[in-house]
C-alpha atoms as a PDB file:
ATOM      1  CA  MET A   1     176.321 -64.422  46.255  1.00  0.00           C
ATOM      2  CA  ALA A   2     179.272 -62.131  47.041  1.00  0.00           C
ATOM      3  CA  GLU A   3     181.238 -62.744  50.201  1.00  0.00           C
ATOM      4  CA  ASP A   4     180.880 -60.128  52.953  1.00  0.00           C
ATOM      5  CA  TRP A   5     184.097 -58.071  52.865  1.00  0.00           C
ATOM      6  CA  LEU A   6     183.797 -57.224  56.573  1.00  0.00           C
ATOM      7  CA  THR A   7     183.937 -60.710  58.041  1.00  0.00           C
ATOM      8  CA  GLY A   8     186.425 -61.605  60.709  1.00  0.00           C
ATOM      9  CA  GLY A   9     185.701 -59.299  63.631  1.00  0.00           C
ATOM     10  CA  ASP A  10     184.158 -55.989  64.553  1.00  0.00           C
ATOM     11  CA  ARG A  11     182.749 -54.688  61.263  1.00  0.00           C
ATOM     12  CA  ARG A  12     183.802 -51.097  61.874  1.00  0.00           C
ATOM     13  CA  ALA A  13     187.356 -52.017  62.906  1.00  0.00           C
ATOM     14  CA  VAL A  14     187.725 -54.406  59.953  1.00  0.00           C
ATOM     15  CA  ALA A  15     186.431 -51.779  57.512  1.00  0.00           C
ATOM     16  CA  VAL A  16     188.672 -49.005  58.844  1.00  0.00           C
ATOM     17  CA  ASP A  17     191.727 -51.260  58.855  1.00  0.00           C
ATOM     18  CA  ARG A  18     191.080 -52.497  55.320  1.00  0.00           C
ATOM     19  CA  ILE A  19     190.462 -48.988  53.966  1.00  0.00           C
ATOM     20  CA  GLU A  20     193.525 -47.540  55.725  1.00  0.00           C
ATOM     21  CA  ARG A  21     195.758 -50.338  54.441  1.00  0.00           C
ATOM     22  CA  ALA A  22     194.510 -49.814  50.895  1.00  0.00           C
ATOM     23  CA  ALA A  23     195.057 -46.065  51.191  1.00  0.00           C
ATOM     24  CA  LEU A  24     198.588 -46.485  52.517  1.00  0.00           C
ATOM     25  CA  ALA A  25     199.516 -48.832  49.676  1.00  0.00           C
ATOM     26  CA  LEU A  26     198.159 -46.387  47.096  1.00  0.00           C
ATOM     27  CA  PHE A  27     199.788 -43.359  48.753  1.00  0.00           C
ATOM     28  CA  LEU A  28     203.149 -45.126  48.728  1.00  0.00           C
ATOM     29  CA  GLU A  29     202.795 -46.213  45.134  1.00  0.00           C
ATOM     30  CA  HIS A  30     201.360 -43.022  43.614  1.00  0.00           C
ATOM     31  CA  GLY A  31     201.708 -40.227  46.184  1.00  0.00           C
ATOM     32  CA  ILE A  32     198.946 -38.628  48.237  1.00  0.00           C
ATOM     33  CA  ASP A  33     198.034 -36.004  45.652  1.00  0.00           C
ATOM     34  CA  SER A  34     197.478 -38.548  42.852  1.00  0.00           C
ATOM     35  CA  VAL A  35     195.127 -40.836  44.765  1.00  0.00           C
ATOM     36  CA  THR A  36     191.381 -40.195  44.910  1.00  0.00           C
ATOM     37  CA  ALA A  37     188.736 -41.464  47.310  1.00  0.00           C
ATOM     38  CA  GLU A  38     187.408 -43.554  44.429  1.00  0.00           C
ATOM     39  CA  ASP A  39     190.827 -45.176  43.987  1.00  0.00           C
ATOM     40  CA  ILE A  40     190.983 -46.044  47.674  1.00  0.00           C
ATOM     41  CA  ALA A  41     187.459 -47.450  47.738  1.00  0.00           C
ATOM     42  CA  ALA A  42     188.193 -49.626  44.708  1.00  0.00           C
ATOM     43  CA  ALA A  43     191.425 -50.921  46.236  1.00  0.00           C
ATOM     44  CA  ALA A  44     189.655 -51.681  49.536  1.00  0.00           C
ATOM     45  CA  GLY A  45     186.827 -53.435  47.724  1.00  0.00           C
ATOM     46  CA  CYS A  46     184.084 -51.105  48.904  1.00  0.00           C
ATOM     47  CA  SER A  47     181.974 -48.259  47.594  1.00  0.00           C
ATOM     48  CA  ARG A  48     182.888 -44.596  47.980  1.00  0.00           C
ATOM     49  CA  ALA A  49     179.862 -44.237  50.287  1.00  0.00           C
ATOM     50  CA  THR A  50     181.239 -46.984  52.525  1.00  0.00           C
ATOM     51  CA  LEU A  51     184.623 -45.268  52.603  1.00  0.00           C
ATOM     52  CA  TYR A  52     183.002 -41.980  53.682  1.00  0.00           C
ATOM     53  CA  ARG A  53     180.847 -43.746  56.278  1.00  0.00           C
ATOM     54  CA  TYR A  54     183.799 -45.459  57.948  1.00  0.00           C
ATOM     55  CA  VAL A  55     186.672 -42.988  57.536  1.00  0.00           C
ATOM     56  CA  GLY A  56     185.110 -39.673  56.535  1.00  0.00           C
ATOM     57  CA  GLY A  57     186.822 -39.038  53.199  1.00  0.00           C
ATOM     58  CA  LYS A  58     190.340 -38.579  51.910  1.00  0.00           C
ATOM     59  CA  PRO A  59     191.574 -35.759  54.221  1.00  0.00           C
ATOM     60  CA  ARG A  60     190.594 -37.687  57.343  1.00  0.00           C
ATOM     61  CA  LEU A  61     191.971 -40.869  55.842  1.00  0.00           C
ATOM     62  CA  VAL A  62     195.334 -39.252  55.082  1.00  0.00           C
ATOM     63  CA  ARG A  63     195.520 -38.080  58.706  1.00  0.00           C
ATOM     64  CA  ALA A  64     194.556 -41.506  60.051  1.00  0.00           C
ATOM     65  CA  VAL A  65     197.109 -43.297  57.886  1.00  0.00           C
ATOM     66  CA  LEU A  66     199.763 -40.772  58.864  1.00  0.00           C
ATOM     67  CA  VAL A  67     199.031 -41.124  62.583  1.00  0.00           C
ATOM     68  CA  ARG A  68     199.045 -44.918  62.299  1.00  0.00           C
ATOM     69  CA  ALA A  69     202.409 -44.882  60.526  1.00  0.00           C
ATOM     70  CA  ALA A  70     203.795 -42.313  62.985  1.00  0.00           C
ATOM     71  CA  GLY A  71     203.071 -44.654  65.907  1.00  0.00           C
ATOM     72  CA  THR A  72     206.278 -46.595  65.367  1.00  0.00           C
ATOM     73  CA  VAL A  73     208.267 -43.383  65.120  1.00  0.00           C
ATOM     74  CA  VAL A  74     206.763 -42.089  68.355  1.00  0.00           C
ATOM     75  CA  ALA A  75     207.714 -45.301  70.163  1.00  0.00           C
ATOM     76  CA  ARG A  76     211.304 -45.057  68.880  1.00  0.00           C
ATOM     77  CA  VAL A  77     211.606 -41.410  69.884  1.00  0.00           C
ATOM     78  CA  GLU A  78     210.137 -42.047  73.340  1.00  0.00           C
ATOM     79  CA  THR A  79     212.686 -44.810  73.898  1.00  0.00           C
ATOM     80  CA  ALA A  80     215.553 -42.639  72.651  1.00  0.00           C
ATOM     81  CA  VAL A  81     214.717 -39.670  74.896  1.00  0.00           C
ATOM     82  CA  ALA A  82     213.390 -41.451  77.988  1.00  0.00           C
ATOM     83  CA  ALA A  83     216.418 -40.597  80.127  1.00  0.00           C
ATOM     84  CA  VAL A  84     217.230 -37.213  78.564  1.00  0.00           C
ATOM     85  CA  PRO A  85     217.118 -34.223  80.949  1.00  0.00           C
ATOM     86  CA  PRO A  86     214.201 -31.822  80.296  1.00  0.00           C
ATOM     87  CA  GLN A  87     216.403 -28.976  79.027  1.00  0.00           C
ATOM     88  CA  ARG A  88     217.922 -31.277  76.355  1.00  0.00           C
ATOM     89  CA  ARG A  89     214.717 -33.088  75.450  1.00  0.00           C
ATOM     90  CA  PRO A  90     213.481 -30.825  72.604  1.00  0.00           C
ATOM     91  CA  VAL A  91     216.768 -31.075  70.678  1.00  0.00           C
ATOM     92  CA  GLU A  92     217.160 -34.795  71.302  1.00  0.00           C
ATOM     93  CA  ALA A  93     213.510 -35.509  70.431  1.00  0.00           C
ATOM     94  CA  ILE A  94     213.818 -33.649  67.130  1.00  0.00           C
ATOM     95  CA  LEU A  95     217.017 -35.474  66.198  1.00  0.00           C
ATOM     96  CA  ALA A  96     215.567 -38.828  67.296  1.00  0.00           C
ATOM     97  CA  ALA A  97     212.448 -38.158  65.203  1.00  0.00           C
ATOM     98  CA  VAL A  98     214.585 -37.450  62.141  1.00  0.00           C
ATOM     99  CA  THR A  99     216.550 -40.664  62.708  1.00  0.00           C
ATOM    100  CA  ALA A 100     213.387 -42.720  63.270  1.00  0.00           C
ATOM    101  CA  LEU A 101     211.670 -41.299  60.179  1.00  0.00           C
ATOM    102  CA  ARG A 102     214.685 -42.070  58.033  1.00  0.00           C
ATOM    103  CA  ALA A 103     214.769 -45.625  59.417  1.00  0.00           C
ATOM    104  CA  ASP A 104     211.089 -46.271  58.688  1.00  0.00           C
ATOM    105  CA  PRO A 105     210.828 -47.520  55.075  1.00  0.00           C
ATOM    106  CA  VAL A 106     207.166 -46.553  54.719  1.00  0.00           C
ATOM    107  CA  LEU A 107     207.462 -43.019  56.036  1.00  0.00           C
ATOM    108  CA  ARG A 108     210.804 -42.416  54.347  1.00  0.00           C
ATOM    109  CA  GLN A 109     209.283 -43.333  50.992  1.00  0.00           C
ATOM    110  CA  TRP A 110     206.196 -41.258  51.682  1.00  0.00           C
ATOM    111  CA  LEU A 111     208.102 -38.175  52.799  1.00  0.00           C
ATOM    112  CA  ILE A 112     210.865 -38.248  50.203  1.00  0.00           C
ATOM    113  CA  ARG A 113     209.671 -40.105  47.096  1.00  0.00           C
ATOM    114  CA  HIS A 114     206.152 -38.657  46.993  1.00  0.00           C
ATOM    115  CA  ARG A 115     206.889 -35.189  48.233  1.00  0.00           C
ATOM    116  CA  SER A 116     204.786 -32.336  46.864  1.00  0.00           C
ATOM    117  CA  PRO A 117     203.891 -28.830  48.045  1.00  0.00           C
ATOM    118  CA  GLY A 118     200.373 -30.004  48.902  1.00  0.00           C
ATOM    119  CA  THR A 119     201.668 -32.931  50.936  1.00  0.00           C
ATOM    120  CA  ASP A 120     204.242 -30.734  52.691  1.00  0.00           C
ATOM    121  CA  GLU A 121     201.608 -28.223  53.737  1.00  0.00           C
ATOM    122  CA  PHE A 122     199.214 -30.945  54.809  1.00  0.00           C
ATOM    123  CA  LEU A 123     201.888 -32.569  56.975  1.00  0.00           C
ATOM    124  CA  ALA A 124     203.097 -29.294  58.439  1.00  0.00           C
ATOM    125  CA  ALA A 125     199.563 -28.240  59.378  1.00  0.00           C
ATOM    126  CA  ALA A 126     198.285 -31.612  60.627  1.00  0.00           C
ATOM    127  CA  PRO A 127     197.185 -31.039  64.234  1.00  0.00           C
ATOM    128  CA  GLU A 128     197.997 -34.659  65.057  1.00  0.00           C
ATOM    129  CA  LEU A 129     201.655 -34.094  64.198  1.00  0.00           C
ATOM    130  CA  GLY A 130     201.678 -30.913  66.253  1.00  0.00           C
ATOM    131  CA  ARG A 131     200.334 -32.826  69.247  1.00  0.00           C
ATOM    132  CA  LEU A 132     203.004 -35.491  68.749  1.00  0.00           C
ATOM    133  CA  ALA A 133     205.701 -32.790  68.553  1.00  0.00           C
ATOM    134  CA  THR A 134     204.431 -31.248  71.784  1.00  0.00           C
ATOM    135  CA  ALA A 135     204.316 -34.612  73.562  1.00  0.00           C
ATOM    136  CA  LEU A 136     207.736 -35.791  72.372  1.00  0.00           C
ATOM    137  CA  THR A 137     209.569 -32.541  73.099  1.00  0.00           C
ATOM    138  CA  ARG A 138     207.481 -31.888  76.239  1.00  0.00           C
ATOM    139  CA  ILE A 139     207.148 -28.210  75.460  1.00  0.00           C
ATOM    140  CA  ALA A 140     204.114 -26.480  76.904  1.00  0.00           C
ATOM    141  CA  PRO A 141     201.161 -26.722  74.507  1.00  0.00           C
ATOM    142  CA  ASP A 142     201.811 -24.078  71.884  1.00  0.00           C
ATOM    143  CA  ASP A 143     200.412 -24.595  68.399  1.00  0.00           C
ATOM    144  CA  ALA A 144     202.924 -22.272  66.732  1.00  0.00           C
ATOM    145  CA  ALA A 145     205.935 -23.959  68.396  1.00  0.00           C
ATOM    146  CA  ALA A 146     204.564 -27.411  67.571  1.00  0.00           C
ATOM    147  CA  ASP A 147     204.046 -26.380  63.932  1.00  0.00           C
ATOM    148  CA  TRP A 148     207.605 -25.069  63.819  1.00  0.00           C
ATOM    149  CA  ILE A 149     209.004 -28.307  65.291  1.00  0.00           C
ATOM    150  CA  VAL A 150     207.135 -30.345  62.660  1.00  0.00           C
ATOM    151  CA  ARG A 151     208.552 -28.080  59.949  1.00  0.00           C
ATOM    152  CA  VAL A 152     212.094 -28.444  61.330  1.00  0.00           C
ATOM    153  CA  VAL A 153     211.810 -32.239  61.304  1.00  0.00           C
ATOM    154  CA  LEU A 154     210.287 -32.304  57.805  1.00  0.00           C
ATOM    155  CA  SER A 155     212.990 -29.936  56.549  1.00  0.00           C
ATOM    156  CA  LEU A 156     215.765 -32.149  57.868  1.00  0.00           C
ATOM    157  CA  ILE A 157     214.110 -35.217  56.333  1.00  0.00           C
ATOM    158  CA  THR A 158     213.584 -33.720  52.914  1.00  0.00           C
ATOM    159  CA  TRP A 159     216.630 -31.445  52.780  1.00  0.00           C
ATOM    160  CA  PRO A 160     219.301 -33.199  54.854  1.00  0.00           C
ATOM    161  CA  LEU A 161     222.641 -31.692  55.772  1.00  0.00           C
ATOM    162  CA  THR A 162     225.928 -33.427  54.972  1.00  0.00           C
ATOM    163  CA  ASP A 163     225.922 -35.607  58.098  1.00  0.00           C
ATOM    164  CA  ALA A 164     224.310 -36.173  61.497  1.00  0.00           C
ATOM    165  CA  ALA A 165     226.877 -33.955  63.247  1.00  0.00           C
ATOM    166  CA  ALA A 166     225.994 -30.990  61.023  1.00  0.00           C
ATOM    167  CA  GLU A 167     222.285 -31.527  61.665  1.00  0.00           C
ATOM    168  CA  ARG A 168     222.890 -31.767  65.415  1.00  0.00           C
ATOM    169  CA  ALA A 169     224.912 -28.548  65.370  1.00  0.00           C
ATOM    170  CA  LEU A 170     222.158 -26.713  63.497  1.00  0.00           C
ATOM    171  CA  VAL A 171     219.380 -27.945  65.794  1.00  0.00           C
ATOM    172  CA  GLU A 172     221.426 -27.255  68.940  1.00  0.00           C
ATOM    173  CA  ARG A 173     222.346 -23.745  67.807  1.00  0.00           C
ATOM    174  CA  PHE A 174     219.000 -22.539  66.501  1.00  0.00           C
ATOM    175  CA  VAL A 175     216.225 -24.761  67.856  1.00  0.00           C
ATOM    176  CA  GLY A 176     217.550 -25.599  71.309  1.00  0.00           C
ATOM    177  CA  PRO A 177     217.915 -22.031  72.610  1.00  0.00           C
ATOM    178  CA  THR A 178     214.520 -21.029  71.245  1.00  0.00           C
ATOM    179  CA  LEU A 179     212.676 -23.890  72.916  1.00  0.00           C
ATOM    180  CA  ARG A 180     214.637 -23.600  76.180  1.00  0.00           C
ATOM    181  CA  SER A 181     213.788 -19.927  76.487  1.00  0.00           C
ATOM    182  CA  ARG A 182     210.075 -20.624  76.503  1.00  0.00           C
END
């Protein structure tokens, strides 16, 4: 008789955790676009139906894995900008997010090594990332501004300038005044 793959706690939590971990490993190894729901289910040791029941399919799973991985970045950014005055917070939060993403080996690999147009668009349009951008910069809720902030951060990650000073100058000159004028 086969061992129950969901032993060791709340069945739902165990299933979601196991599926998300399998998905993350596959995304890092092969890229988001190359991995199918069937691949993830096989790696997690469950059926595709079980995957859909617990996580709702690949698009939801990509978002969940992304949000889980972004949690460490959010904590780093919050710490970095805790004492920053409100008028400086958007610029400092963007720069801190870039630094934190580059320092995170999982996200760095995901955003740079497995970059594709589909992944870029998915990340730029993910409402979860927009909400994080709004919370970290403390701009008033504005979907278009949040989307733009996500795109600025992703651009700096995937197409860096020569050094941190050049990136700071660019963000201070073009992003800072726009977000302060809101």
